[in-house]
């Protein structure tokens, strides 16, 4: 019997799977940020303080970090299609458990489930996209995923508040369940089998961290997200106390940022194919300039709104560049590298928000915005080294790594071949 060559999957099927993953991202991020606008009714119904209810957000981040560090060891022996469908099922269960939670403990269990999905899904996202589409289309597919992320981030809080007003906080959380079911069905019919591609086990996340190209890139990612969230977390008090906007203008400014972010995730896919290094370096530089400019003109609404739209345009799109960097810097170890990146991002967000809050309380917004600019500037400097490693690796690689190929499925031998 001769062995038939591997045939690439139909292009339409591959992109349908990418769209299914995008819906999964949107549903997942909506689930993650839903508690932001529902803390008060949750606290009242479960007889908690709002601070304690806020742990519903913290616990999901904790489990996202833990899952991201260990998901690679699971992915090495499990068909990635089955793993993604399993994570989507956990998201559905999380919505049910959270909506029906009779106590704080059960609520935390439901939120822990969503943290597991966040850490697992994002750790696998780059490696999965690399299996679904040709290498040249990876940036576009990743920008599509991050577009779903941006859309959900934009609407999650106001949508949760709106639904909570009419159907209660439990109904708002339960609204995620049918979306998760649709996501599961779409992935079930479009995701191809993606078995492990090699006999030798891939390195652990910590083993990947020993590689210089991984260390420099992850340091740049960490500094970037620390700088971004040191400022972003405190935009509302800045706008209310410095720019002095009311609730309606505030909502419009934040909506403008979100819409600019959506535009950015669409446009960046066209830049990354040939300008990845430029984007990795220029994005934090421009955002550092915006941080300084906000501290200077923050008392005027019009220039502040324009600057924040620029912040949203770049800040929302920049993660696409770093996931593309991952696909090129660690093509054979995308699961382990993705886990490290998710852990780095989650920890950086926490550290950046904590640092920004400390400086905001002690010295006002000027100290917070200056720290943000400094961190972003440092991210740009480290990105110079990280992008250099990617160029060197690309020049030395004789052939494309297996993970960079579109997913393939062996054709069954014909009667004559048996």
Foldseek 3Di string as FASTA:
>chain_A
DDFDDWDFDPLVLLVLLLVLLLLVLLLLLLLLCLVVQALVLVCVQQVHDSVLSVVLNVLLLVLLLVLLQCLLVVQQFDFVLVVLLVLLVLLLVLLVQCLPPNHPVSVSVSSSSSSNSNNNCQLCVLLQNLQRDFLLCSLVSLLSSLLSNLVSVLCSNVQSNVCCVPPNNSVSSNVSNVSSVVSSVSSVVRPDGHGNDDDDRDDGLVVVCVDVLLVLLLLLLLLLLLLLLLQPVCPVVLCCPQLNDDDVVVSVLSNLLSVLLSVLSNPVSVCQSPNLLVLQQVLLQLLLVLLQVCVVPVNHDPVVSVSSNVSSSRVSNSVSSSSSLLCQLPVPSSSSSSSSNSSSNSVSNVNSNVVSVVCCVPPNSVRSSNSSSVSSNVSSVSSNVSVVSSVVSVVPDPDDDPSNRHNIDTDDDDPVRD
